């Protein structure tokens, strides 16, 4: 089975979400740029980000700050979400050529992912029952639980799963889950030092890599 992260793998625009968080952090007195916020908040858990802002500014945030921010992100993504370059073609090729079951495991909420996938048209490849939210299930990465949950739902052992990720937290979650992982990231940028980690720079490299792995596995047996 293949398990996809959402933000930065299938749907772009995480920088828009972190820019909203950065704007709010500035409102509370933290002089942080959108670029710095993207590095600090990207892939993070909203409740933890709220705690970070409160600690940095010494201000008390609303008890439901994460829910307020979540709603703002969902509203924005209904119109501003964009697919990562090559995502739709890659999903089509996975379904047509690779013929393995697919699921999504993300720290985003279900409401956020539904907005993103509807806005980009990727929802036709990703039915709701195959999308799992680390936020809604209280299983945020880097804990491995969301990936283990996805595997359990499919009835497939973790060692027979490949995760496509773009964040260090997601790679760590896959490693802890005992799954193979492919990191989508510019090859000039640093990556976690995990010997089994495979890397690609563009989504058009993913299906050829999967087919190569599958052929090697067949040859080994």
C-alpha atoms as a PDB file:
ATOM      1  CA  UNK A   1       0.000   0.000   0.000  1.00  0.00           C
ATOM      2  CA  UNK A   2       1.025   3.614  -0.577  1.00  0.00           C
ATOM      3  CA  UNK A   3       0.277   6.241   2.071  1.00  0.00           C
ATOM      4  CA  UNK A   4       0.538   9.883   1.053  1.00  0.00           C
ATOM      5  CA  UNK A   5       1.032  12.888   3.254  1.00  0.00           C
ATOM      6  CA  UNK A   6      -1.227  15.754   2.133  1.00  0.00           C
ATOM      7  CA  UNK A   7       0.499  19.142   2.486  1.00  0.00           C
ATOM      8  CA  UNK A   8       3.542  19.548   0.275  1.00  0.00           C
ATOM      9  CA  UNK A   9       2.996  16.126  -1.325  1.00  0.00           C
ATOM     10  CA  UNK A  10      -0.461  16.302  -2.919  1.00  0.00           C
ATOM     11  CA  UNK A  11      -1.583  19.850  -2.136  1.00  0.00           C
ATOM     12  CA  UNK A  12       0.567  22.949  -1.975  1.00  0.00           C
ATOM     13  CA  UNK A  13      -0.145  26.095  -0.045  1.00  0.00           C
ATOM     14  CA  UNK A  14       1.131  25.108   3.396  1.00  0.00           C
ATOM     15  CA  UNK A  15       3.040  28.414   3.317  1.00  0.00           C
ATOM     16  CA  UNK A  16      -0.375  30.128   3.145  1.00  0.00           C
ATOM     17  CA  UNK A  17      -1.442  28.338   6.337  1.00  0.00           C
ATOM     18  CA  UNK A  18       1.787  29.147   8.148  1.00  0.00           C
ATOM     19  CA  UNK A  19       1.516  32.765   6.943  1.00  0.00           C
ATOM     20  CA  UNK A  20      -1.854  32.980   8.733  1.00  0.00           C
ATOM     21  CA  UNK A  21      -0.225  31.606  11.880  1.00  0.00           C
ATOM     22  CA  UNK A  22       2.687  34.051  11.542  1.00  0.00           C
ATOM     23  CA  UNK A  23       0.256  36.944  11.142  1.00  0.00           C
ATOM     24  CA  UNK A  24      -1.514  35.873  14.327  1.00  0.00           C
ATOM     25  CA  UNK A  25       1.809  35.475  16.153  1.00  0.00           C
ATOM     26  CA  UNK A  26       2.690  39.062  15.185  1.00  0.00           C
ATOM     27  CA  UNK A  27      -0.709  40.179  16.500  1.00  0.00           C
ATOM     28  CA  UNK A  28       0.302  38.778  19.902  1.00  0.00           C
ATOM     29  CA  UNK A  29       3.691  40.528  19.776  1.00  0.00           C
ATOM     30  CA  UNK A  30       6.081  38.003  18.205  1.00  0.00           C
ATOM     31  CA  UNK A  31       8.136  39.731  15.524  1.00  0.00           C
ATOM     32  CA  UNK A  32       8.299  36.737  13.193  1.00  0.00           C
ATOM     33  CA  UNK A  33       8.386  36.861   9.394  1.00  0.00           C
ATOM     34  CA  UNK A  34       6.223  34.636   7.196  1.00  0.00           C
ATOM     35  CA  UNK A  35       9.384  32.841   6.053  1.00  0.00           C
ATOM     36  CA  UNK A  36      10.513  32.140   9.629  1.00  0.00           C
ATOM     37  CA  UNK A  37       6.977  31.047  10.506  1.00  0.00           C
ATOM     38  CA  UNK A  38       6.909  28.613   7.595  1.00  0.00           C
ATOM     39  CA  UNK A  39      10.093  26.955   8.876  1.00  0.00           C
ATOM     40  CA  UNK A  40       8.879  26.843  12.501  1.00  0.00           C
ATOM     41  CA  UNK A  41       5.207  26.011  12.020  1.00  0.00           C
ATOM     42  CA  UNK A  42       5.236  23.891   8.845  1.00  0.00           C
ATOM     43  CA  UNK A  43       3.938  20.359   9.453  1.00  0.00           C
ATOM     44  CA  UNK A  44       3.318  21.155  13.110  1.00  0.00           C
ATOM     45  CA  UNK A  45       0.375  20.434  15.375  1.00  0.00           C
ATOM     46  CA  UNK A  46      -1.840  23.512  15.834  1.00  0.00           C
ATOM     47  CA  UNK A  47      -2.210  23.103  19.601  1.00  0.00           C
ATOM     48  CA  UNK A  48       1.583  22.974  19.972  1.00  0.00           C
ATOM     49  CA  UNK A  49       1.999  26.017  17.700  1.00  0.00           C
ATOM     50  CA  UNK A  50      -0.456  27.943  19.882  1.00  0.00           C
ATOM     51  CA  UNK A  51       1.565  26.969  22.970  1.00  0.00           C
ATOM     52  CA  UNK A  52       4.747  28.118  21.219  1.00  0.00           C
ATOM     53  CA  UNK A  53       3.212  31.539  20.430  1.00  0.00           C
ATOM     54  CA  UNK A  54       1.951  31.932  23.999  1.00  0.00           C
ATOM     55  CA  UNK A  55       5.329  30.992  25.454  1.00  0.00           C
ATOM     56  CA  UNK A  56       7.239  33.307  23.103  1.00  0.00           C
ATOM     57  CA  UNK A  57       4.965  36.327  23.674  1.00  0.00           C
ATOM     58  CA  UNK A  58       3.923  35.776  27.287  1.00  0.00           C
ATOM     59  CA  UNK A  59       0.321  36.392  26.148  1.00  0.00           C
ATOM     60  CA  UNK A  60      -2.659  34.192  26.878  1.00  0.00           C
ATOM     61  CA  UNK A  61      -4.239  32.835  23.704  1.00  0.00           C
ATOM     62  CA  UNK A  62      -7.903  31.788  23.573  1.00  0.00           C
ATOM     63  CA  UNK A  63      -8.384  28.238  24.868  1.00  0.00           C
ATOM     64  CA  UNK A  64      -9.768  27.298  21.442  1.00  0.00           C
ATOM     65  CA  UNK A  65      -7.060  29.092  19.437  1.00  0.00           C
ATOM     66  CA  UNK A  66      -6.308  25.932  17.468  1.00  0.00           C
ATOM     67  CA  UNK A  67      -9.996  25.566  16.467  1.00  0.00           C
ATOM     68  CA  UNK A  68     -10.206  29.232  15.426  1.00  0.00           C
ATOM     69  CA  UNK A  69      -7.031  28.913  13.346  1.00  0.00           C
ATOM     70  CA  UNK A  70      -8.268  25.631  11.872  1.00  0.00           C
ATOM     71  CA  UNK A  71     -11.476  27.292  10.649  1.00  0.00           C
ATOM     72  CA  UNK A  72      -9.524  30.175   9.080  1.00  0.00           C
ATOM     73  CA  UNK A  73      -7.262  27.704   7.258  1.00  0.00           C
ATOM     74  CA  UNK A  74     -10.221  25.633   5.970  1.00  0.00           C
ATOM     75  CA  UNK A  75     -12.013  28.771   4.717  1.00  0.00           C
ATOM     76  CA  UNK A  76      -8.870  29.907   2.909  1.00  0.00           C
ATOM     77  CA  UNK A  77      -8.138  26.497   1.356  1.00  0.00           C
ATOM     78  CA  UNK A  78     -11.598  26.306  -0.221  1.00  0.00           C
ATOM     79  CA  UNK A  79     -10.389  28.847  -2.760  1.00  0.00           C
ATOM     80  CA  UNK A  80      -6.586  29.000  -2.549  1.00  0.00           C
ATOM     81  CA  UNK A  81      -5.421  25.363  -2.430  1.00  0.00           C
ATOM     82  CA  UNK A  82      -3.328  24.247  -5.418  1.00  0.00           C
ATOM     83  CA  UNK A  83      -2.176  20.761  -6.271  1.00  0.00           C
ATOM     84  CA  UNK A  84       1.552  20.094  -5.997  1.00  0.00           C
ATOM     85  CA  UNK A  85       3.009  20.060  -9.509  1.00  0.00           C
ATOM     86  CA  UNK A  86       2.359  16.629 -11.030  1.00  0.00           C
ATOM     87  CA  UNK A  87       0.100  15.322  -8.220  1.00  0.00           C
ATOM     88  CA  UNK A  88      -2.920  14.416 -10.360  1.00  0.00           C
ATOM     89  CA  UNK A  89      -0.829  12.715 -13.048  1.00  0.00           C
ATOM     90  CA  UNK A  90       1.082  10.799 -10.359  1.00  0.00           C
ATOM     91  CA  UNK A  91      -2.163   9.584  -8.731  1.00  0.00           C
ATOM     92  CA  UNK A  92      -3.502   8.510 -12.132  1.00  0.00           C
ATOM     93  CA  UNK A  93      -0.304   6.557 -12.830  1.00  0.00           C
ATOM     94  CA  UNK A  94      -0.326   4.939  -9.368  1.00  0.00           C
ATOM     95  CA  UNK A  95      -3.905   3.735  -9.928  1.00  0.00           C
ATOM     96  CA  UNK A  96      -3.302   2.637 -13.556  1.00  0.00           C
ATOM     97  CA  UNK A  97       0.250   1.234 -13.474  1.00  0.00           C
ATOM     98  CA  UNK A  98       1.175   0.422  -9.888  1.00  0.00           C
ATOM     99  CA  UNK A  99      -2.244  -0.941  -8.905  1.00  0.00           C
ATOM    100  CA  UNK A 100      -1.647  -0.748  -5.151  1.00  0.00           C
ATOM    101  CA  UNK A 101      -4.202   0.563  -2.626  1.00  0.00           C
ATOM    102  CA  UNK A 102      -3.689   4.186  -1.597  1.00  0.00           C
ATOM    103  CA  UNK A 103      -4.513   6.156   1.538  1.00  0.00           C
ATOM    104  CA  UNK A 104      -3.696   9.594   2.966  1.00  0.00           C
ATOM    105  CA  UNK A 105      -2.285  10.177   6.465  1.00  0.00           C
ATOM    106  CA  UNK A 106      -1.841  13.825   7.440  1.00  0.00           C
ATOM    107  CA  UNK A 107      -1.658  16.137  10.455  1.00  0.00           C
ATOM    108  CA  UNK A 108      -4.313  18.283   8.742  1.00  0.00           C
ATOM    109  CA  UNK A 109      -7.930  17.965   9.893  1.00  0.00           C
ATOM    110  CA  UNK A 110     -10.516  16.139   7.775  1.00  0.00           C
ATOM    111  CA  UNK A 111     -12.310  19.446   7.133  1.00  0.00           C
ATOM    112  CA  UNK A 112      -9.080  20.984   5.863  1.00  0.00           C
ATOM    113  CA  UNK A 113      -8.224  18.024   3.617  1.00  0.00           C
ATOM    114  CA  UNK A 114     -11.756  17.850   2.215  1.00  0.00           C
ATOM    115  CA  UNK A 115     -11.522  21.565   1.322  1.00  0.00           C
ATOM    116  CA  UNK A 116      -8.091  21.092  -0.273  1.00  0.00           C
ATOM    117  CA  UNK A 117      -8.989  17.975  -2.268  1.00  0.00           C
ATOM    118  CA  UNK A 118     -12.315  19.470  -3.441  1.00  0.00           C
ATOM    119  CA  UNK A 119     -10.617  22.723  -4.462  1.00  0.00           C
ATOM    120  CA  UNK A 120      -7.930  20.898  -6.466  1.00  0.00           C
ATOM    121  CA  UNK A 121     -10.159  18.142  -7.883  1.00  0.00           C
ATOM    122  CA  UNK A 122      -8.024  15.414  -6.282  1.00  0.00           C
ATOM    123  CA  UNK A 123     -11.065  14.175  -4.317  1.00  0.00           C
ATOM    124  CA  UNK A 124     -12.054  12.001  -7.300  1.00  0.00           C
ATOM    125  CA  UNK A 125      -9.007   9.805  -6.567  1.00  0.00           C
ATOM    126  CA  UNK A 126      -9.226   9.985  -2.767  1.00  0.00           C
ATOM    127  CA  UNK A 127     -12.556   8.905  -1.244  1.00  0.00           C
ATOM    128  CA  UNK A 128     -13.203  10.126   2.279  1.00  0.00           C
ATOM    129  CA  UNK A 129     -12.852   6.666   3.845  1.00  0.00           C
ATOM    130  CA  UNK A 130      -9.233   6.529   2.597  1.00  0.00           C
ATOM    131  CA  UNK A 131      -8.239   9.829   4.219  1.00  0.00           C
ATOM    132  CA  UNK A 132      -7.014   9.854   7.821  1.00  0.00           C
ATOM    133  CA  UNK A 133      -6.390  12.904   9.993  1.00  0.00           C
ATOM    134  CA  UNK A 134      -3.732  12.828  12.705  1.00  0.00           C
ATOM    135  CA  UNK A 135      -5.382  15.919  14.177  1.00  0.00           C
ATOM    136  CA  UNK A 136      -8.913  14.492  14.357  1.00  0.00           C
ATOM    137  CA  UNK A 137      -7.726  11.091  15.604  1.00  0.00           C
ATOM    138  CA  UNK A 138      -5.292  12.701  18.074  1.00  0.00           C
ATOM    139  CA  UNK A 139      -2.363  10.907  16.403  1.00  0.00           C
ATOM    140  CA  UNK A 140      -0.058  13.724  15.261  1.00  0.00           C
ATOM    141  CA  UNK A 141       3.236  12.975  13.552  1.00  0.00           C
ATOM    142  CA  UNK A 142       6.048  12.310  14.403  1.00  0.00           C
ATOM    143  CA  UNK A 143       4.102   9.663  16.307  1.00  0.00           C
ATOM    144  CA  UNK A 144       3.677   6.666  13.968  1.00  0.00           C
ATOM    145  CA  UNK A 145       0.045   6.045  14.931  1.00  0.00           C
ATOM    146  CA  UNK A 146      -1.645   7.640  11.890  1.00  0.00           C
ATOM    147  CA  UNK A 147       0.361   5.473   9.489  1.00  0.00           C
ATOM    148  CA  UNK A 148      -0.188   2.339  11.576  1.00  0.00           C
ATOM    149  CA  UNK A 149      -3.910   3.168  11.675  1.00  0.00           C
ATOM    150  CA  UNK A 150      -4.038   3.489   7.863  1.00  0.00           C
ATOM    151  CA  UNK A 151      -2.285   0.121   7.462  1.00  0.00           C
ATOM    152  CA  UNK A 152      -4.672  -1.508   9.930  1.00  0.00           C
ATOM    153  CA  UNK A 153      -7.694  -0.125   8.057  1.00  0.00           C
ATOM    154  CA  UNK A 154      -6.359  -1.710   4.858  1.00  0.00           C
ATOM    155  CA  UNK A 155      -5.411  -4.949   6.622  1.00  0.00           C
ATOM    156  CA  UNK A 156      -1.811  -4.680   5.427  1.00  0.00           C
ATOM    157  CA  UNK A 157       1.302  -5.094   7.619  1.00  0.00           C
ATOM    158  CA  UNK A 158       3.441  -1.948   8.073  1.00  0.00           C
ATOM    159  CA  UNK A 159       6.433  -3.489   6.292  1.00  0.00           C
ATOM    160  CA  UNK A 160       4.319  -3.707   3.108  1.00  0.00           C
ATOM    161  CA  UNK A 161       3.633   0.046   3.071  1.00  0.00           C
ATOM    162  CA  UNK A 162       5.466   2.897   1.340  1.00  0.00           C
ATOM    163  CA  UNK A 163       4.984   6.440   2.650  1.00  0.00           C
ATOM    164  CA  UNK A 164       5.498   9.551   0.494  1.00  0.00           C
ATOM    165  CA  UNK A 165       6.444  12.475   2.723  1.00  0.00           C
ATOM    166  CA  UNK A 166       7.956  15.945   2.548  1.00  0.00           C
ATOM    167  CA  UNK A 167       8.534  16.741   6.250  1.00  0.00           C
ATOM    168  CA  UNK A 168      11.055  15.515   8.803  1.00  0.00           C
ATOM    169  CA  UNK A 169       8.217  14.776  11.259  1.00  0.00           C
ATOM    170  CA  UNK A 170       6.499  12.620   8.640  1.00  0.00           C
ATOM    171  CA  UNK A 171       9.688  10.738   7.810  1.00  0.00           C
ATOM    172  CA  UNK A 172      10.185  10.036  11.509  1.00  0.00           C
ATOM    173  CA  UNK A 173       6.591   8.786  11.785  1.00  0.00           C
ATOM    174  CA  UNK A 174       7.158   6.396   8.863  1.00  0.00           C
ATOM    175  CA  UNK A 175      10.451   5.188  10.363  1.00  0.00           C
ATOM    176  CA  UNK A 176       8.832   4.508  13.734  1.00  0.00           C
ATOM    177  CA  UNK A 177       5.961   2.706  11.983  1.00  0.00           C
ATOM    178  CA  UNK A 178       8.438   0.349  10.304  1.00  0.00           C
ATOM    179  CA  UNK A 179       7.450   1.502   6.806  1.00  0.00           C
ATOM    180  CA  UNK A 180       9.535   2.354   3.762  1.00  0.00           C
ATOM    181  CA  UNK A 181       9.610   6.083   3.050  1.00  0.00           C
ATOM    182  CA  UNK A 182      10.247   8.289   0.030  1.00  0.00           C
ATOM    183  CA  UNK A 183      11.048  11.945   0.738  1.00  0.00           C
ATOM    184  CA  UNK A 184       9.858  14.543  -1.776  1.00  0.00           C
ATOM    185  CA  UNK A 185      12.318  17.409  -1.403  1.00  0.00           C
ATOM    186  CA  UNK A 186      14.841  19.386  -3.420  1.00  0.00           C
ATOM    187  CA  UNK A 187      17.967  17.223  -3.443  1.00  0.00           C
ATOM    188  CA  UNK A 188      20.090  20.228  -2.438  1.00  0.00           C
ATOM    189  CA  UNK A 189      18.198  20.557   0.847  1.00  0.00           C
ATOM    190  CA  UNK A 190      19.166  18.553   3.957  1.00  0.00           C
ATOM    191  CA  UNK A 191      17.235  15.425   4.886  1.00  0.00           C
ATOM    192  CA  UNK A 192      16.962  13.144   7.937  1.00  0.00           C
ATOM    193  CA  UNK A 193      19.917  10.759   8.178  1.00  0.00           C
ATOM    194  CA  UNK A 194      17.960   7.531   7.872  1.00  0.00           C
ATOM    195  CA  UNK A 195      19.856   4.945   5.787  1.00  0.00           C
ATOM    196  CA  UNK A 196      16.669   3.457   4.304  1.00  0.00           C
ATOM    197  CA  UNK A 197      15.249   6.808   3.182  1.00  0.00           C
ATOM    198  CA  UNK A 198      14.715   7.204  -0.578  1.00  0.00           C
ATOM    199  CA  UNK A 199      14.574  10.660  -2.150  1.00  0.00           C
ATOM    200  CA  UNK A 200      12.936  12.286  -5.159  1.00  0.00           C
ATOM    201  CA  UNK A 201      12.882  15.926  -6.229  1.00  0.00           C
ATOM    202  CA  UNK A 202       9.645  15.832  -8.282  1.00  0.00           C
ATOM    203  CA  UNK A 203       6.475  13.751  -8.207  1.00  0.00           C
ATOM    204  CA  UNK A 204       7.130  12.474 -11.743  1.00  0.00           C
ATOM    205  CA  UNK A 205       9.945  10.362 -10.262  1.00  0.00           C
ATOM    206  CA  UNK A 206       7.692   8.531  -7.774  1.00  0.00           C
ATOM    207  CA  UNK A 207       5.931   5.957  -9.972  1.00  0.00           C
ATOM    208  CA  UNK A 208       9.118   4.906 -11.834  1.00  0.00           C
ATOM    209  CA  UNK A 209      10.817   4.433  -8.443  1.00  0.00           C
ATOM    210  CA  UNK A 210       7.900   2.328  -7.159  1.00  0.00           C
ATOM    211  CA  UNK A 211       7.887   0.147 -10.289  1.00  0.00           C
ATOM    212  CA  UNK A 212      11.645  -0.355  -9.956  1.00  0.00           C
ATOM    213  CA  UNK A 213      11.248  -1.423  -6.304  1.00  0.00           C
ATOM    214  CA  UNK A 214       8.423  -3.825  -7.202  1.00  0.00           C
ATOM    215  CA  UNK A 215      10.454  -5.382 -10.035  1.00  0.00           C
ATOM    216  CA  UNK A 216      13.437  -5.861  -7.693  1.00  0.00           C
ATOM    217  CA  UNK A 217      11.155  -7.519  -5.130  1.00  0.00           C
ATOM    218  CA  UNK A 218       9.749  -9.887  -7.784  1.00  0.00           C
ATOM    219  CA  UNK A 219      13.246 -10.781  -8.955  1.00  0.00           C
ATOM    220  CA  UNK A 220      14.295 -11.508  -5.348  1.00  0.00           C
ATOM    221  CA  UNK A 221      11.471 -14.016  -5.020  1.00  0.00           C
END
